[in-house]
Amino acid sequence: MDDIVWQKTGVGAQEPSHEFTAIAPNGIDIGRIYRIEGGPFNGRWRSIFLLCHSQFRQGTMSGHQASKQRATEMVRKTYQLYLETPGSNGGGQSRIPLKKHSDQEQAI
């Protein structure tokens, strides 16, 4: 799933942003990652998958990762599984057209 585009989400922030949104080739936001600041997970990365229905969500859709690379990989793997899962099971098979938008910039 190298077609996922990552864009920074902290536009206009005072400090450098450590938040990114994953955008599928069809332009749909599919996930988000951000670095945790403070608390017991300080410095770790949170990954969140944004698509799917209840049946598919019974699996692990989000989590804490040790690095930005691992967080992006979790979103990529979850998206791939989502695309392979039939819509009747809460996945995206046969639901989302894979049309690439050329106006997206890669941030990661």
N, C-alpha and C. Protein backbone atom coordinates (compact mmCIF):
# COMPACT_ATOMS: atom_id res chain seq x y z
N MET A 1 0.83 -1.18 0.00
CA MET A 1 0.00 0.00 0.00
C MET A 1 0.88 1.25 0.00
N ASP A 2 1.75 1.32 -0.94
CA ASP A 2 2.62 2.49 -1.04
C ASP A 2 1.90 3.69 -1.64
N ASP A 3 0.63 3.53 -2.01
CA ASP A 3 -0.12 4.64 -2.60
C ASP A 3 -0.74 5.55 -1.55
N ILE A 4 -0.60 5.22 -0.27
CA ILE A 4 -1.13 6.07 0.78
C ILE A 4 -0.29 7.33 0.86
N VAL A 5 -0.97 8.46 0.95
CA VAL A 5 -0.29 9.76 1.08
C VAL A 5 -0.45 10.21 2.52
N TRP A 6 0.64 10.69 3.10
CA TRP A 6 0.62 11.19 4.48
C TRP A 6 0.76 12.71 4.44
N GLN A 7 -0.18 13.39 5.08
CA GLN A 7 -0.13 14.85 5.14
C GLN A 7 -0.10 15.29 6.60
N LYS A 8 0.70 16.34 6.87
CA LYS A 8 0.72 16.90 8.21
C LYS A 8 -0.64 17.51 8.52
N THR A 9 -1.09 17.37 9.77
CA THR A 9 -2.39 17.92 10.14
C THR A 9 -2.28 19.14 11.04
N GLY A 10 -1.09 19.49 11.47
CA GLY A 10 -0.91 20.64 12.36
C GLY A 10 -0.59 21.91 11.61
N VAL A 11 -1.30 22.20 10.56
CA VAL A 11 -1.06 23.40 9.76
C VAL A 11 -1.30 24.64 10.63
N GLY A 12 -0.34 25.54 10.64
CA GLY A 12 -0.46 26.77 11.41
C GLY A 12 -0.10 26.61 12.88
N ALA A 13 0.41 25.45 13.26
CA ALA A 13 0.77 25.21 14.65
C ALA A 13 2.00 26.03 15.03
N GLN A 14 2.11 26.37 16.30
CA GLN A 14 3.25 27.13 16.80
C GLN A 14 4.54 26.30 16.74
N GLU A 15 4.43 25.03 17.01
CA GLU A 15 5.60 24.14 17.03
C GLU A 15 5.50 23.17 15.85
N PRO A 16 6.60 22.49 15.54
CA PRO A 16 6.52 21.49 14.47
C PRO A 16 5.46 20.44 14.80
N SER A 17 4.67 20.07 13.82
CA SER A 17 3.59 19.12 14.02
C SER A 17 4.11 17.69 14.01
N HIS A 18 3.58 16.90 14.91
CA HIS A 18 3.87 15.47 14.94
C HIS A 18 2.57 14.71 14.76
N GLU A 19 1.70 15.26 13.89
CA GLU A 19 0.43 14.64 13.55
C GLU A 19 0.34 14.52 12.04
N PHE A 20 -0.12 13.35 11.58
CA PHE A 20 -0.24 13.11 10.15
C PHE A 20 -1.55 12.37 9.87
N THR A 21 -2.13 12.66 8.72
CA THR A 21 -3.34 11.99 8.26
C THR A 21 -2.98 11.14 7.05
N ALA A 22 -3.48 9.90 7.04
CA ALA A 22 -3.26 8.98 5.92
C ALA A 22 -4.43 9.13 4.95
N ILE A 23 -4.08 9.35 3.68
CA ILE A 23 -5.09 9.53 2.65
C ILE A 23 -4.93 8.44 1.60
N ALA A 24 -6.02 7.71 1.34
CA ALA A 24 -6.01 6.62 0.37
C ALA A 24 -5.91 7.20 -1.04
N PRO A 25 -5.58 6.35 -2.02
CA PRO A 25 -5.48 6.82 -3.41
C PRO A 25 -6.75 7.48 -3.93
N ASN A 26 -7.90 7.16 -3.35
CA ASN A 26 -9.16 7.74 -3.80
C ASN A 26 -9.49 9.05 -3.08
N GLY A 27 -8.60 9.52 -2.21
CA GLY A 27 -8.79 10.80 -1.53
C GLY A 27 -9.49 10.73 -0.18
N ILE A 28 -9.83 9.54 0.28
CA ILE A 28 -10.51 9.38 1.56
C ILE A 28 -9.49 9.30 2.69
N ASP A 29 -9.74 10.03 3.79
CA ASP A 29 -8.90 9.93 4.97
C ASP A 29 -9.13 8.56 5.59
N ILE A 30 -8.05 7.80 5.77
CA ILE A 30 -8.20 6.44 6.29
C ILE A 30 -7.58 6.25 7.67
N GLY A 31 -6.69 7.13 8.06
CA GLY A 31 -6.04 6.95 9.35
C GLY A 31 -5.33 8.19 9.80
N ARG A 32 -4.82 8.10 11.01
CA ARG A 32 -4.12 9.23 11.60
C ARG A 32 -3.07 8.68 12.54
N ILE A 33 -1.93 9.37 12.61
CA ILE A 33 -0.92 9.05 13.59
C ILE A 33 -0.48 10.34 14.26
N TYR A 34 -0.07 10.23 15.50
CA TYR A 34 0.48 11.40 16.20
C TYR A 34 1.39 10.94 17.33
N ARG A 35 2.35 11.79 17.65
CA ARG A 35 3.26 11.49 18.75
C ARG A 35 2.61 11.94 20.06
N ILE A 36 2.67 11.09 21.04
CA ILE A 36 2.07 11.38 22.34
C ILE A 36 3.04 12.22 23.16
N GLU A 37 2.52 13.30 23.71
CA GLU A 37 3.32 14.20 24.53
C GLU A 37 2.82 14.11 25.96
N GLY A 38 3.60 13.52 26.86
CA GLY A 38 3.24 13.43 28.27
C GLY A 38 2.61 12.09 28.63
N GLY A 39 2.50 11.86 29.92
CA GLY A 39 1.87 10.65 30.42
C GLY A 39 2.73 9.42 30.26
N PRO A 40 2.16 8.27 30.55
CA PRO A 40 2.94 7.02 30.51
C PRO A 40 3.39 6.60 29.11
N PHE A 41 2.74 7.13 28.07
CA PHE A 41 3.12 6.79 26.69
C PHE A 41 3.92 7.91 26.03
N ASN A 42 4.46 8.81 26.79
CA ASN A 42 5.23 9.95 26.28
C ASN A 42 6.28 9.49 25.25
N GLY A 43 6.26 10.13 24.08
CA GLY A 43 7.24 9.83 23.04
C GLY A 43 6.83 8.69 22.11
N ARG A 44 5.81 7.94 22.47
CA ARG A 44 5.33 6.87 21.59
C ARG A 44 4.37 7.46 20.56
N TRP A 45 4.03 6.66 19.58
CA TRP A 45 3.15 7.11 18.50
C TRP A 45 1.82 6.37 18.58
N ARG A 46 0.74 7.09 18.41
CA ARG A 46 -0.61 6.54 18.41
C ARG A 46 -1.06 6.43 16.96
N SER A 47 -1.58 5.27 16.58
CA SER A 47 -2.13 5.09 15.23
C SER A 47 -3.61 4.79 15.37
N ILE A 48 -4.39 5.40 14.47
CA ILE A 48 -5.83 5.26 14.49
C ILE A 48 -6.32 4.99 13.08
N PHE A 49 -7.11 3.94 12.90
CA PHE A 49 -7.72 3.64 11.61
C PHE A 49 -9.13 4.20 11.62
N LEU A 50 -9.52 4.93 10.58
CA LEU A 50 -10.78 5.68 10.59
C LEU A 50 -11.95 5.01 9.87
N LEU A 51 -11.70 4.02 9.03
CA LEU A 51 -12.78 3.42 8.25
C LEU A 51 -13.31 2.14 8.89
N CYS A 52 -14.36 1.62 8.35
CA CYS A 52 -14.92 0.29 8.60
C CYS A 52 -16.18 0.33 9.44
N HIS A 53 -16.81 -0.81 9.48
CA HIS A 53 -18.06 -0.99 10.21
C HIS A 53 -17.83 -1.89 11.42
N SER A 54 -18.83 -2.04 12.24
CA SER A 54 -18.69 -2.71 13.53
C SER A 54 -18.07 -4.11 13.45
N GLN A 55 -18.45 -4.92 12.48
CA GLN A 55 -17.91 -6.27 12.42
C GLN A 55 -16.39 -6.24 12.24
N PHE A 56 -15.90 -5.36 11.39
CA PHE A 56 -14.47 -5.26 11.12
C PHE A 56 -13.74 -4.66 12.33
N ARG A 57 -14.39 -3.74 13.02
CA ARG A 57 -13.79 -3.06 14.16
C ARG A 57 -13.55 -3.96 15.37
N GLN A 58 -14.01 -5.18 15.35
CA GLN A 58 -13.77 -6.08 16.46
C GLN A 58 -12.29 -6.43 16.59
N GLY A 59 -11.53 -6.20 15.55
CA GLY A 59 -10.09 -6.43 15.59
C GLY A 59 -9.38 -5.20 16.16
N THR A 60 -8.06 -5.19 16.07
CA THR A 60 -7.27 -4.07 16.57
C THR A 60 -7.14 -3.02 15.47
N MET A 61 -7.78 -1.88 15.66
CA MET A 61 -7.77 -0.82 14.67
C MET A 61 -6.82 0.31 15.05
N SER A 62 -6.47 0.41 16.31
CA SER A 62 -5.64 1.50 16.81
C SER A 62 -4.64 0.94 17.80
N GLY A 63 -3.61 1.72 18.08
CA GLY A 63 -2.65 1.25 19.06
C GLY A 63 -1.51 2.24 19.27
N HIS A 64 -0.65 1.89 20.21
CA HIS A 64 0.53 2.69 20.52
C HIS A 64 1.74 1.97 19.95
N GLN A 65 2.59 2.72 19.27
CA GLN A 65 3.77 2.15 18.64
C GLN A 65 5.02 2.89 19.12
N ALA A 66 6.16 2.22 19.04
CA ALA A 66 7.42 2.80 19.51
C ALA A 66 7.98 3.84 18.55
N SER A 67 7.56 3.81 17.28
CA SER A 67 8.12 4.75 16.30
C SER A 67 7.06 5.20 15.30
N LYS A 68 7.37 6.29 14.61
CA LYS A 68 6.48 6.79 13.57
C LYS A 68 6.36 5.75 12.45
N GLN A 69 7.45 5.11 12.10
CA GLN A 69 7.45 4.09 11.05
C GLN A 69 6.50 2.95 11.39
N ARG A 70 6.54 2.49 12.64
CA ARG A 70 5.65 1.40 13.04
C ARG A 70 4.19 1.84 13.04
N ALA A 71 3.94 3.08 13.42
CA ALA A 71 2.57 3.60 13.43
C ALA A 71 2.02 3.68 12.00
N THR A 72 2.83 4.18 11.06
CA THR A 72 2.37 4.25 9.67
C THR A 72 2.14 2.85 9.11
N GLU A 73 3.00 1.92 9.49
CA GLU A 73 2.85 0.55 9.01
C GLU A 73 1.57 -0.10 9.54
N MET A 74 1.20 0.22 10.77
CA MET A 74 -0.04 -0.33 11.32
C MET A 74 -1.25 0.18 10.54
N VAL A 75 -1.25 1.47 10.19
CA VAL A 75 -2.35 2.01 9.39
C VAL A 75 -2.37 1.36 8.02
N ARG A 76 -1.21 1.20 7.39
CA ARG A 76 -1.14 0.56 6.08
C ARG A 76 -1.67 -0.87 6.11
N LYS A 77 -1.23 -1.65 7.08
CA LYS A 77 -1.66 -3.05 7.19
C LYS A 77 -3.16 -3.15 7.46
N THR A 78 -3.67 -2.28 8.31
CA THR A 78 -5.10 -2.30 8.61
C THR A 78 -5.90 -1.92 7.37
N TYR A 79 -5.43 -0.95 6.60
CA TYR A 79 -6.12 -0.55 5.37
C TYR A 79 -6.12 -1.71 4.37
N GLN A 80 -5.01 -2.39 4.24
CA GLN A 80 -4.94 -3.53 3.32
C GLN A 80 -5.93 -4.61 3.74
N LEU A 81 -5.99 -4.91 5.03
CA LEU A 81 -6.94 -5.90 5.53
C LEU A 81 -8.38 -5.43 5.29
N TYR A 82 -8.63 -4.15 5.50
CA TYR A 82 -9.95 -3.58 5.24
C TYR A 82 -10.36 -3.78 3.79
N LEU A 83 -9.45 -3.52 2.85
CA LEU A 83 -9.76 -3.67 1.43
C LEU A 83 -10.01 -5.13 1.05
N GLU A 84 -9.40 -6.06 1.78
CA GLU A 84 -9.54 -7.49 1.50
C GLU A 84 -10.78 -8.09 2.17
N THR A 85 -11.41 -7.36 3.07
CA THR A 85 -12.55 -7.86 3.83
C THR A 85 -13.85 -7.50 3.12
N PRO A 86 -14.75 -8.47 2.90
CA PRO A 86 -16.02 -8.19 2.24
C PRO A 86 -16.84 -7.14 3.01
N GLY A 87 -17.59 -6.34 2.27
CA GLY A 87 -18.43 -5.33 2.88
C GLY A 87 -19.44 -5.92 3.85
N SER A 88 -19.88 -7.15 3.59
CA SER A 88 -20.83 -7.80 4.48
C SER A 88 -20.22 -8.11 5.85
N ASN A 89 -18.89 -8.09 5.94
CA ASN A 89 -18.19 -8.30 7.21
C ASN A 89 -17.62 -7.00 7.75
N GLY A 90 -18.10 -5.88 7.24
CA GLY A 90 -17.65 -4.58 7.74
C GLY A 90 -16.44 -4.00 7.03
N GLY A 91 -15.93 -4.70 6.03
CA GLY A 91 -14.75 -4.24 5.30
C GLY A 91 -15.11 -3.39 4.09
N GLY A 92 -14.11 -3.10 3.30
CA GLY A 92 -14.31 -2.20 2.18
C GLY A 92 -14.28 -2.83 0.81
N GLN A 93 -14.23 -4.16 0.75
CA GLN A 93 -14.18 -4.83 -0.55
C GLN A 93 -15.42 -4.48 -1.37
N SER A 94 -15.18 -4.03 -2.56
CA SER A 94 -16.23 -3.65 -3.51
C SER A 94 -16.96 -2.37 -3.14
N ARG A 95 -16.46 -1.60 -2.18
CA ARG A 95 -17.15 -0.37 -1.78
C ARG A 95 -16.40 0.89 -2.20
N ILE A 96 -15.09 0.85 -2.21
CA ILE A 96 -14.33 2.07 -2.44
C ILE A 96 -13.59 1.98 -3.78
N PRO A 97 -13.88 2.89 -4.70
CA PRO A 97 -13.14 2.90 -5.97
C PRO A 97 -11.71 3.37 -5.73
N LEU A 98 -10.76 2.75 -6.38
CA LEU A 98 -9.36 3.12 -6.20
C LEU A 98 -8.93 4.08 -7.30
N LYS A 99 -9.27 5.34 -7.13
CA LYS A 99 -8.92 6.38 -8.08
C LYS A 99 -7.94 7.33 -7.39
N LYS A 100 -6.78 7.49 -7.98
CA LYS A 100 -5.74 8.31 -7.38
C LYS A 100 -5.93 9.78 -7.72
N HIS A 101 -5.79 10.62 -6.70
CA HIS A 101 -5.83 12.06 -6.89
C HIS A 101 -4.39 12.57 -7.00
N SER A 102 -4.08 13.33 -8.02
CA SER A 102 -2.71 13.76 -8.25
C SER A 102 -2.33 15.03 -7.50
N ASP A 103 -3.27 15.67 -6.80
CA ASP A 103 -2.96 16.94 -6.12
C ASP A 103 -2.54 16.76 -4.67
N GLN A 104 -2.24 15.53 -4.25
CA GLN A 104 -1.84 15.29 -2.87
C GLN A 104 -0.33 15.28 -2.76
N GLU A 105 0.17 15.87 -1.67
CA GLU A 105 1.61 15.90 -1.42
C GLU A 105 1.97 14.92 -0.33
N GLN A 106 3.07 14.26 -0.49
CA GLN A 106 3.55 13.29 0.48
C GLN A 106 4.33 14.00 1.58
N ALA A 107 3.96 13.78 2.86
CA ALA A 107 4.64 14.42 3.98
C ALA A 107 5.59 13.48 4.71
N ILE A 108 5.39 12.18 4.54
CA ILE A 108 6.26 11.20 5.23
C ILE A 108 7.02 10.42 4.20
